Amino acid sequence: MTCDIKGEIINLTVSRSIFFEPKNVEELSSFLSENKDNYREIWIVLTKKEYISPQPVSFNEAVSEALKQGLVDSRTKTLSKAKYSIRFTKRRSKAC
């Protein structure tokens, strides 16, 4: 991705995507903080509540943590009978 800011071309190298299954909300928060600028999309893998009690991280907790980090959720994907993932991306900058 390139950005033209006042006549200067800036190359931004960002990897495409990563999947991560957090063990708890603190681990999720730390992971998002460390990786949100390195990947275009982050897929968080969660276990459906009917397959584990208590859930390590709920859907609402994942969305809440992502919003705190400036990320937005856009889609979910079923991975198996017991697991699914949520895709988070950075908010689009109006400068680029």
C-alpha atoms as a PDB file:
ATOM      1  CA  MET A   1       0.000   0.000   0.000  1.00  0.00           C
ATOM      2  CA  THR A   2       1.291   3.465  -0.788  1.00  0.00           C
ATOM      3  CA  CYS A   3       0.192   6.836   0.446  1.00  0.00           C
ATOM      4  CA  ASP A   4       0.796  10.220  -1.175  1.00  0.00           C
ATOM      5  CA  ILE A   5       1.122  12.849   1.536  1.00  0.00           C
ATOM      6  CA  LYS A   6       2.092  16.341   0.309  1.00  0.00           C
ATOM      7  CA  GLY A   7       3.978  14.972  -2.676  1.00  0.00           C
ATOM      8  CA  GLU A   8       5.872  12.276  -0.735  1.00  0.00           C
ATOM      9  CA  ILE A   9       5.287   8.613  -1.467  1.00  0.00           C
ATOM     10  CA  ILE A  10       5.379   6.465   1.662  1.00  0.00           C
ATOM     11  CA  ASN A  11       5.456   2.660   1.337  1.00  0.00           C
ATOM     12  CA  LEU A  12       3.633   0.816   4.067  1.00  0.00           C
ATOM     13  CA  THR A  13       4.416  -2.883   4.352  1.00  0.00           C
ATOM     14  CA  VAL A  14       1.664  -4.762   6.133  1.00  0.00           C
ATOM     15  CA  SER A  15       1.146  -8.525   6.112  1.00  0.00           C
ATOM     16  CA  ARG A  16      -2.237  -9.704   4.926  1.00  0.00           C
ATOM     17  CA  SER A  17      -3.777 -11.589   7.850  1.00  0.00           C
ATOM     18  CA  ILE A  18      -3.266 -13.688  10.963  1.00  0.00           C
ATOM     19  CA  PHE A  19      -5.442 -16.044  13.021  1.00  0.00           C
ATOM     20  CA  PHE A  20      -5.187 -16.066  16.824  1.00  0.00           C
ATOM     21  CA  GLU A  21      -7.081 -17.983  19.521  1.00  0.00           C
ATOM     22  CA  PRO A  22      -6.785 -16.152  22.864  1.00  0.00           C
ATOM     23  CA  LYS A  23      -6.927 -17.979  26.197  1.00  0.00           C
ATOM     24  CA  ASN A  24      -8.435 -14.953  27.967  1.00  0.00           C
ATOM     25  CA  VAL A  25      -9.334 -11.295  27.469  1.00  0.00           C
ATOM     26  CA  GLU A  26      -5.963 -10.056  28.756  1.00  0.00           C
ATOM     27  CA  GLU A  27      -4.112 -12.170  26.183  1.00  0.00           C
ATOM     28  CA  LEU A  28      -6.451 -10.883  23.450  1.00  0.00           C
ATOM     29  CA  SER A  29      -5.868  -7.262  24.469  1.00  0.00           C
ATOM     30  CA  SER A  30      -2.095  -7.729  24.480  1.00  0.00           C
ATOM     31  CA  PHE A  31      -2.123  -9.524  21.116  1.00  0.00           C
ATOM     32  CA  LEU A  32      -4.235  -6.834  19.442  1.00  0.00           C
ATOM     33  CA  SER A  33      -2.055  -4.063  20.845  1.00  0.00           C
ATOM     34  CA  GLU A  34       1.143  -5.707  19.588  1.00  0.00           C
ATOM     35  CA  ASN A  35      -0.170  -6.756  16.158  1.00  0.00           C
ATOM     36  CA  LYS A  36      -2.809  -4.291  14.951  1.00  0.00           C
ATOM     37  CA  ASP A  37      -0.284  -2.338  12.853  1.00  0.00           C
ATOM     38  CA  ASN A  38       1.402  -5.438  11.398  1.00  0.00           C
ATOM     39  CA  TYR A  39      -1.595  -7.075   9.717  1.00  0.00           C
ATOM     40  CA  ARG A  40      -4.317  -5.845   7.397  1.00  0.00           C
ATOM     41  CA  GLU A  41      -6.816  -8.162   9.072  1.00  0.00           C
ATOM     42  CA  ILE A  42      -6.783 -10.078  12.339  1.00  0.00           C
ATOM     43  CA  TRP A  43      -9.011 -13.121  12.732  1.00  0.00           C
ATOM     44  CA  ILE A  44      -9.807 -13.972  16.352  1.00  0.00           C
ATOM     45  CA  VAL A  45     -10.828 -17.608  16.874  1.00  0.00           C
ATOM     46  CA  LEU A  46     -13.509 -18.213  19.495  1.00  0.00           C
ATOM     47  CA  THR A  47     -15.239 -21.302  20.854  1.00  0.00           C
ATOM     48  CA  LYS A  48     -19.032 -21.342  20.713  1.00  0.00           C
ATOM     49  CA  LYS A  49     -20.588 -21.003  24.156  1.00  0.00           C
ATOM     50  CA  GLU A  50     -22.515 -24.266  23.871  1.00  0.00           C
ATOM     51  CA  TYR A  51     -19.193 -26.163  23.597  1.00  0.00           C
ATOM     52  CA  ILE A  52     -17.313 -24.683  26.551  1.00  0.00           C
ATOM     53  CA  SER A  53     -18.308 -23.111  29.831  1.00  0.00           C
ATOM     54  CA  PRO A  54     -17.137 -20.575  30.643  1.00  0.00           C
ATOM     55  CA  GLN A  55     -15.901 -19.296  27.298  1.00  0.00           C
ATOM     56  CA  PRO A  56     -12.270 -18.114  27.390  1.00  0.00           C
ATOM     57  CA  VAL A  57     -13.359 -15.001  25.414  1.00  0.00           C
ATOM     58  CA  SER A  58     -16.917 -14.178  24.367  1.00  0.00           C
ATOM     59  CA  PHE A  59     -17.967 -12.486  21.127  1.00  0.00           C
ATOM     60  CA  ASN A  60     -18.883  -9.290  23.008  1.00  0.00           C
ATOM     61  CA  GLU A  61     -15.562  -9.238  24.878  1.00  0.00           C
ATOM     62  CA  ALA A  62     -13.635  -9.662  21.624  1.00  0.00           C
ATOM     63  CA  VAL A  63     -15.534  -6.838  19.924  1.00  0.00           C
ATOM     64  CA  SER A  64     -15.128  -4.575  22.961  1.00  0.00           C
ATOM     65  CA  GLU A  65     -11.350  -5.147  23.127  1.00  0.00           C
ATOM     66  CA  ALA A  66     -10.970  -4.590  19.388  1.00  0.00           C
ATOM     67  CA  LEU A  67     -12.896  -1.309  19.521  1.00  0.00           C
ATOM     68  CA  LYS A  68     -10.591  -0.091  22.305  1.00  0.00           C
ATOM     69  CA  GLN A  69      -7.668  -0.758  19.955  1.00  0.00           C
ATOM     70  CA  GLY A  70      -9.243   1.159  17.059  1.00  0.00           C
ATOM     71  CA  LEU A  71     -10.328  -1.949  15.172  1.00  0.00           C
ATOM     72  CA  VAL A  72     -13.738  -2.729  13.724  1.00  0.00           C
ATOM     73  CA  ASP A  73     -15.407  -6.106  13.196  1.00  0.00           C
ATOM     74  CA  SER A  74     -16.769  -6.916   9.799  1.00  0.00           C
ATOM     75  CA  ARG A  75     -17.426 -10.599   9.356  1.00  0.00           C
ATOM     76  CA  THR A  76     -17.589 -13.952  11.085  1.00  0.00           C
ATOM     77  CA  LYS A  77     -16.584 -17.299   9.639  1.00  0.00           C
ATOM     78  CA  THR A  78     -17.457 -20.796  10.854  1.00  0.00           C
ATOM     79  CA  LEU A  79     -14.314 -22.894  11.257  1.00  0.00           C
ATOM     80  CA  SER A  80     -15.812 -26.062  12.747  1.00  0.00           C
ATOM     81  CA  LYS A  81     -18.793 -27.280  14.718  1.00  0.00           C
ATOM     82  CA  ALA A  82     -17.345 -25.725  17.886  1.00  0.00           C
ATOM     83  CA  LYS A  83     -15.248 -22.799  16.620  1.00  0.00           C
ATOM     84  CA  TYR A  84     -15.699 -19.625  14.612  1.00  0.00           C
ATOM     85  CA  SER A  85     -13.639 -16.538  13.915  1.00  0.00           C
ATOM     86  CA  ILE A  86     -14.258 -12.801  13.759  1.00  0.00           C
ATOM     87  CA  ARG A  87     -12.355 -10.569  11.352  1.00  0.00           C
ATOM     88  CA  PHE A  88     -11.076  -7.258  12.673  1.00  0.00           C
ATOM     89  CA  THR A  89      -9.517  -4.509  10.574  1.00  0.00           C
ATOM     90  CA  LYS A  90      -8.234  -1.025  11.286  1.00  0.00           C
ATOM     91  CA  ARG A  91     -10.531   1.868  10.625  1.00  0.00           C
ATOM     92  CA  ARG A  92      -9.688   3.401   7.266  1.00  0.00           C
ATOM     93  CA  SER A  93      -7.706   6.583   7.426  1.00  0.00           C
ATOM     94  CA  LYS A  94      -9.095   9.542   5.514  1.00  0.00           C
ATOM     95  CA  ALA A  95      -5.518  10.667   4.733  1.00  0.00           C
ATOM     96  CA  CYS A  96      -4.868   7.788   2.290  1.00  0.00           C
END
